[in-house]
Amino acid sequence: MRRGAKASELPSGARQDTRKHTRHVLRPTREAVAGYLARELSWDEFARAYRSVIEERHRAGSAGFDEIAALARTSDVYLGCSCPTKQNPDVRRCHTWLALEIMAQMYPNLDVRFPEL
């Protein structure tokens, strides 16, 4: 998936908007994103904060995570974000990369694929 593409050029599958302003279970916090983009947090600090909030959400209730995993077993699921951007050009430094790692750990039998670089 890429930004600015026509709908007919996008891959088929379920798109999940996981940006910070959504209510998606895989969204990062606004504060962590702002801190990372302002260079107040290093990537490692952002990653730790993101993993912590996702683990907390999962402990509070796994239904949202289970729904994504179930959907991914029957169709392609794409995690949407605004990266890469000029401010954050490396998709490996995006919360969606971390989300893929986390989902692969939580659901070891799930076919999780990372973007080609």
N, C-alpha and C. Protein backbone atom coordinates (compact mmCIF):
# COMPACT_ATOMS: atom_id res chain seq x y z
N MET A 1 0.85 -1.17 0.00
CA MET A 1 0.00 0.00 0.00
C MET A 1 0.89 1.23 0.00
N ARG A 2 0.47 2.21 -0.69
CA ARG A 2 1.25 3.45 -0.68
C ARG A 2 0.32 4.63 -0.68
N ARG A 3 0.84 5.72 -0.19
CA ARG A 3 0.05 6.94 -0.11
C ARG A 3 -0.12 7.54 -1.49
N GLY A 4 -1.28 8.11 -1.72
CA GLY A 4 -1.53 8.81 -2.98
C GLY A 4 -1.91 7.91 -4.13
N ALA A 5 -2.01 6.61 -3.91
CA ALA A 5 -2.37 5.69 -4.98
C ALA A 5 -3.88 5.75 -5.24
N LYS A 6 -4.27 5.47 -6.47
CA LYS A 6 -5.69 5.38 -6.81
C LYS A 6 -6.23 4.10 -6.18
N ALA A 7 -7.50 4.10 -5.83
CA ALA A 7 -8.12 2.92 -5.20
C ALA A 7 -7.91 1.67 -6.03
N SER A 8 -7.96 1.80 -7.36
CA SER A 8 -7.79 0.63 -8.23
C SER A 8 -6.37 0.08 -8.20
N GLU A 9 -5.40 0.86 -7.72
CA GLU A 9 -4.01 0.41 -7.66
C GLU A 9 -3.65 -0.22 -6.32
N LEU A 10 -4.56 -0.13 -5.35
CA LEU A 10 -4.28 -0.67 -4.02
C LEU A 10 -4.50 -2.18 -3.99
N PRO A 11 -3.76 -2.89 -3.17
CA PRO A 11 -3.97 -4.34 -3.06
C PRO A 11 -5.32 -4.62 -2.41
N SER A 12 -5.88 -5.79 -2.71
CA SER A 12 -7.15 -6.14 -2.07
C SER A 12 -6.87 -6.61 -0.65
N GLY A 13 -7.86 -6.49 0.19
CA GLY A 13 -7.70 -6.91 1.58
C GLY A 13 -8.33 -5.89 2.51
N ALA A 14 -8.22 -6.16 3.79
CA ALA A 14 -8.79 -5.30 4.83
C ALA A 14 -7.76 -4.30 5.30
N ARG A 15 -8.09 -3.03 5.19
CA ARG A 15 -7.18 -1.98 5.65
C ARG A 15 -7.58 -1.55 7.05
N GLN A 16 -6.61 -1.47 7.92
CA GLN A 16 -6.83 -1.06 9.31
C GLN A 16 -6.08 0.24 9.54
N ASP A 17 -6.80 1.31 9.84
CA ASP A 17 -6.17 2.60 10.11
C ASP A 17 -5.69 2.60 11.56
N THR A 18 -4.39 2.53 11.75
CA THR A 18 -3.82 2.42 13.10
C THR A 18 -3.08 3.69 13.52
N ARG A 19 -3.42 4.80 12.88
CA ARG A 19 -2.75 6.05 13.25
C ARG A 19 -3.16 6.50 14.64
N LYS A 20 -2.37 7.39 15.20
CA LYS A 20 -2.50 7.80 16.61
C LYS A 20 -3.86 8.38 16.98
N HIS A 21 -4.56 8.98 16.04
CA HIS A 21 -5.84 9.63 16.35
C HIS A 21 -7.04 8.69 16.24
N THR A 22 -6.80 7.43 15.91
CA THR A 22 -7.90 6.47 15.81
C THR A 22 -8.13 5.78 17.16
N ARG A 23 -9.11 4.88 17.19
CA ARG A 23 -9.38 4.11 18.40
C ARG A 23 -8.90 2.66 18.23
N HIS A 24 -8.12 2.41 17.21
CA HIS A 24 -7.62 1.07 16.91
C HIS A 24 -6.74 0.56 18.04
N VAL A 25 -6.82 -0.74 18.35
CA VAL A 25 -6.02 -1.28 19.46
C VAL A 25 -4.52 -1.21 19.18
N LEU A 26 -4.12 -1.10 17.93
CA LEU A 26 -2.69 -1.04 17.59
C LEU A 26 -2.17 0.39 17.40
N ARG A 27 -2.99 1.38 17.73
CA ARG A 27 -2.55 2.77 17.57
C ARG A 27 -1.50 3.12 18.64
N PRO A 28 -0.57 3.99 18.30
CA PRO A 28 0.35 4.50 19.32
C PRO A 28 -0.32 5.65 20.07
N THR A 29 0.27 6.06 21.16
CA THR A 29 -0.27 7.23 21.85
C THR A 29 0.18 8.49 21.12
N ARG A 30 -0.63 9.51 21.21
CA ARG A 30 -0.29 10.80 20.59
C ARG A 30 1.00 11.35 21.18
N GLU A 31 1.15 11.19 22.49
CA GLU A 31 2.33 11.73 23.18
C GLU A 31 3.61 11.07 22.71
N ALA A 32 3.57 9.75 22.54
CA ALA A 32 4.77 9.04 22.10
C ALA A 32 5.15 9.42 20.67
N VAL A 33 4.16 9.54 19.80
CA VAL A 33 4.44 9.93 18.42
C VAL A 33 5.02 11.35 18.39
N ALA A 34 4.39 12.25 19.12
CA ALA A 34 4.88 13.63 19.16
C ALA A 34 6.31 13.68 19.70
N GLY A 35 6.58 12.93 20.75
CA GLY A 35 7.93 12.89 21.33
C GLY A 35 8.96 12.33 20.37
N TYR A 36 8.58 11.28 19.65
CA TYR A 36 9.52 10.68 18.70
C TYR A 36 9.79 11.63 17.53
N LEU A 37 8.74 12.21 16.97
CA LEU A 37 8.92 13.11 15.82
C LEU A 37 9.66 14.39 16.20
N ALA A 38 9.53 14.81 17.46
CA ALA A 38 10.25 16.00 17.94
C ALA A 38 11.66 15.66 18.39
N ARG A 39 12.02 14.39 18.27
CA ARG A 39 13.34 13.89 18.69
C ARG A 39 13.56 13.98 20.19
N GLU A 40 12.45 14.03 20.94
CA GLU A 40 12.53 13.99 22.41
C GLU A 40 12.64 12.56 22.91
N LEU A 41 12.19 11.61 22.08
CA LEU A 41 12.33 10.18 22.37
C LEU A 41 13.17 9.54 21.28
N SER A 42 14.06 8.67 21.67
CA SER A 42 14.80 7.89 20.67
C SER A 42 13.88 6.81 20.13
N TRP A 43 14.30 6.15 19.06
CA TRP A 43 13.50 5.05 18.53
C TRP A 43 13.33 3.96 19.59
N ASP A 44 14.39 3.63 20.30
CA ASP A 44 14.30 2.59 21.33
C ASP A 44 13.32 2.98 22.44
N GLU A 45 13.32 4.25 22.83
CA GLU A 45 12.37 4.71 23.85
C GLU A 45 10.93 4.65 23.33
N PHE A 46 10.74 5.08 22.09
CA PHE A 46 9.41 5.00 21.48
C PHE A 46 8.95 3.55 21.41
N ALA A 47 9.82 2.68 20.95
CA ALA A 47 9.46 1.26 20.81
C ALA A 47 9.08 0.65 22.16
N ARG A 48 9.84 0.96 23.20
CA ARG A 48 9.50 0.45 24.55
C ARG A 48 8.14 0.98 25.01
N ALA A 49 7.90 2.26 24.80
CA ALA A 49 6.63 2.86 25.20
C ALA A 49 5.47 2.25 24.41
N TYR A 50 5.67 2.04 23.12
CA TYR A 50 4.62 1.45 22.28
C TYR A 50 4.32 0.02 22.71
N ARG A 51 5.37 -0.77 22.87
CA ARG A 51 5.16 -2.16 23.31
C ARG A 51 4.43 -2.22 24.65
N SER A 52 4.79 -1.32 25.54
CA SER A 52 4.17 -1.29 26.86
C SER A 52 2.68 -0.98 26.76
N VAL A 53 2.30 0.00 25.96
CA VAL A 53 0.89 0.36 25.84
C VAL A 53 0.10 -0.75 25.15
N ILE A 54 0.70 -1.41 24.19
CA ILE A 54 0.01 -2.52 23.51
C ILE A 54 -0.17 -3.69 24.47
N GLU A 55 0.86 -4.01 25.24
CA GLU A 55 0.74 -5.08 26.23
C GLU A 55 -0.35 -4.75 27.25
N GLU A 56 -0.41 -3.50 27.67
CA GLU A 56 -1.43 -3.06 28.63
C GLU A 56 -2.83 -3.22 28.04
N ARG A 57 -2.99 -2.81 26.79
CA ARG A 57 -4.30 -2.96 26.14
C ARG A 57 -4.68 -4.43 26.01
N HIS A 58 -3.71 -5.25 25.67
CA HIS A 58 -3.98 -6.68 25.50
C HIS A 58 -4.39 -7.31 26.84
N ARG A 59 -3.71 -6.93 27.91
CA ARG A 59 -4.08 -7.44 29.24
C ARG A 59 -5.49 -7.01 29.63
N ALA A 60 -5.86 -5.80 29.24
CA ALA A 60 -7.19 -5.28 29.56
C ALA A 60 -8.28 -6.00 28.79
N GLY A 61 -7.94 -6.57 27.66
CA GLY A 61 -8.91 -7.31 26.85
C GLY A 61 -8.34 -7.64 25.49
N SER A 62 -8.36 -8.91 25.13
CA SER A 62 -7.72 -9.34 23.88
C SER A 62 -8.66 -9.37 22.69
N ALA A 63 -9.93 -9.03 22.87
CA ALA A 63 -10.92 -9.17 21.79
C ALA A 63 -10.51 -8.44 20.51
N GLY A 64 -10.07 -7.20 20.62
CA GLY A 64 -9.67 -6.44 19.43
C GLY A 64 -8.51 -7.08 18.70
N PHE A 65 -7.56 -7.60 19.44
CA PHE A 65 -6.40 -8.27 18.85
C PHE A 65 -6.83 -9.58 18.21
N ASP A 66 -7.70 -10.32 18.92
CA ASP A 66 -8.20 -11.59 18.39
C ASP A 66 -8.97 -11.38 17.09
N GLU A 67 -9.73 -10.30 17.01
CA GLU A 67 -10.50 -9.99 15.79
C GLU A 67 -9.56 -9.74 14.60
N ILE A 68 -8.50 -8.99 14.83
CA ILE A 68 -7.54 -8.73 13.75
C ILE A 68 -6.89 -10.04 13.30
N ALA A 69 -6.49 -10.87 14.25
CA ALA A 69 -5.86 -12.15 13.92
C ALA A 69 -6.83 -13.04 13.14
N ALA A 70 -8.10 -13.08 13.56
CA ALA A 70 -9.09 -13.90 12.86
C ALA A 70 -9.29 -13.40 11.43
N LEU A 71 -9.38 -12.09 11.26
CA LEU A 71 -9.52 -11.51 9.93
C LEU A 71 -8.32 -11.84 9.07
N ALA A 72 -7.12 -11.77 9.66
CA ALA A 72 -5.89 -12.04 8.91
C ALA A 72 -5.76 -13.51 8.51
N ARG A 73 -6.51 -14.37 9.15
CA ARG A 73 -6.48 -15.79 8.76
C ARG A 73 -7.34 -16.06 7.52
N THR A 74 -8.24 -15.12 7.19
CA THR A 74 -9.13 -15.33 6.05
C THR A 74 -8.89 -14.35 4.90
N SER A 75 -8.18 -13.26 5.15
CA SER A 75 -7.87 -12.29 4.10
C SER A 75 -6.62 -11.50 4.49
N ASP A 76 -6.10 -10.78 3.52
CA ASP A 76 -4.95 -9.93 3.81
C ASP A 76 -5.40 -8.74 4.64
N VAL A 77 -4.59 -8.38 5.64
CA VAL A 77 -4.87 -7.22 6.48
C VAL A 77 -3.67 -6.29 6.35
N TYR A 78 -3.95 -5.03 6.08
CA TYR A 78 -2.90 -4.02 5.95
C TYR A 78 -3.05 -3.01 7.07
N LEU A 79 -1.95 -2.78 7.79
CA LEU A 79 -1.95 -1.79 8.86
C LEU A 79 -1.58 -0.44 8.27
N GLY A 80 -2.48 0.51 8.38
CA GLY A 80 -2.27 1.81 7.77
C GLY A 80 -1.69 2.83 8.73
N CYS A 81 -0.86 3.67 8.19
CA CYS A 81 -0.22 4.77 8.91
C CYS A 81 0.14 5.82 7.87
N SER A 82 0.73 6.90 8.30
CA SER A 82 1.18 7.93 7.35
C SER A 82 2.63 7.75 6.96
N CYS A 83 3.36 6.87 7.60
CA CYS A 83 4.77 6.63 7.27
C CYS A 83 4.86 5.82 5.98
N PRO A 84 5.89 5.99 5.22
CA PRO A 84 7.02 6.87 5.47
C PRO A 84 6.69 8.32 5.10
N THR A 85 7.32 9.21 5.83
CA THR A 85 7.17 10.64 5.59
C THR A 85 8.57 11.27 5.57
N LYS A 86 8.62 12.54 5.25
CA LYS A 86 9.90 13.24 5.27
C LYS A 86 10.49 13.21 6.68
N GLN A 87 9.62 13.38 7.68
CA GLN A 87 10.06 13.39 9.07
C GLN A 87 10.48 11.99 9.54
N ASN A 88 9.83 10.96 9.01
CA ASN A 88 10.12 9.58 9.41
C ASN A 88 10.15 8.70 8.16
N PRO A 89 11.25 8.74 7.41
CA PRO A 89 11.30 8.06 6.11
C PRO A 89 11.50 6.54 6.16
N ASP A 90 11.88 5.99 7.29
CA ASP A 90 12.19 4.56 7.39
C ASP A 90 11.00 3.81 7.97
N VAL A 91 10.33 2.97 7.17
CA VAL A 91 9.14 2.27 7.66
C VAL A 91 9.47 1.30 8.79
N ARG A 92 10.73 0.93 8.91
CA ARG A 92 11.12 0.07 10.04
C ARG A 92 11.10 0.85 11.36
N ARG A 93 10.98 2.15 11.27
CA ARG A 93 10.88 3.02 12.46
C ARG A 93 9.47 3.58 12.58
N CYS A 94 8.49 2.74 12.28
CA CYS A 94 7.08 3.10 12.36
C CYS A 94 6.40 2.12 13.31
N HIS A 95 5.39 2.58 14.02
CA HIS A 95 4.70 1.69 14.96
C HIS A 95 4.09 0.49 14.26
N THR A 96 3.78 0.60 12.95
CA THR A 96 3.18 -0.54 12.27
C THR A 96 4.17 -1.70 12.17
N TRP A 97 5.45 -1.40 12.05
CA TRP A 97 6.47 -2.46 12.04
C TRP A 97 6.47 -3.17 13.39
N LEU A 98 6.43 -2.38 14.45
CA LEU A 98 6.37 -2.95 15.80
C LEU A 98 5.09 -3.75 15.99
N ALA A 99 3.98 -3.24 15.45
CA ALA A 99 2.69 -3.94 15.57
C ALA A 99 2.77 -5.31 14.90
N LEU A 100 3.42 -5.39 13.75
CA LEU A 100 3.59 -6.68 13.08
C LEU A 100 4.42 -7.64 13.94
N GLU A 101 5.49 -7.12 14.54
CA GLU A 101 6.30 -7.95 15.44
C GLU A 101 5.47 -8.46 16.61
N ILE A 102 4.68 -7.57 17.19
CA ILE A 102 3.87 -7.93 18.36
C ILE A 102 2.82 -8.96 17.98
N MET A 103 2.13 -8.75 16.86
CA MET A 103 1.10 -9.70 16.44
C MET A 103 1.72 -11.07 16.13
N ALA A 104 2.90 -11.08 15.56
CA ALA A 104 3.58 -12.36 15.29
C ALA A 104 3.91 -13.08 16.59
N GLN A 105 4.28 -12.33 17.63
CA GLN A 105 4.57 -12.94 18.93
C GLN A 105 3.30 -13.43 19.63
N MET A 106 2.24 -12.62 19.58
CA MET A 106 0.99 -12.98 20.24
C MET A 106 0.30 -14.16 19.56
N TYR A 107 0.42 -14.23 18.25
CA TYR A 107 -0.26 -15.24 17.44
C TYR A 107 0.77 -15.95 16.56
N PRO A 108 1.54 -16.88 17.15
CA PRO A 108 2.64 -17.50 16.42
C PRO A 108 2.25 -18.24 15.14
N ASN A 109 1.01 -18.66 15.02
CA ASN A 109 0.57 -19.37 13.81
C ASN A 109 0.04 -18.42 12.74
N LEU A 110 0.07 -17.14 12.99
CA LEU A 110 -0.41 -16.14 12.04
C LEU A 110 0.67 -15.86 11.00
N ASP A 111 0.27 -15.76 9.74
CA ASP A 111 1.22 -15.44 8.66
C ASP A 111 1.41 -13.93 8.62
N VAL A 112 2.45 -13.44 9.28
CA VAL A 112 2.74 -12.01 9.35
C VAL A 112 3.86 -11.70 8.37
N ARG A 113 3.62 -10.74 7.51
CA ARG A 113 4.61 -10.36 6.50
C ARG A 113 5.00 -8.90 6.65
N PHE A 114 6.29 -8.66 6.58
CA PHE A 114 6.82 -7.31 6.72
C PHE A 114 7.00 -6.69 5.33
N PRO A 115 6.91 -5.36 5.25
CA PRO A 115 7.10 -4.70 3.96
C PRO A 115 8.47 -5.01 3.38
N GLU A 116 8.49 -5.16 2.06
CA GLU A 116 9.77 -5.34 1.39
C GLU A 116 10.49 -4.01 1.37
N LEU A 117 11.79 -4.05 1.59
CA LEU A 117 12.57 -2.81 1.61
C LEU A 117 13.39 -2.66 0.36
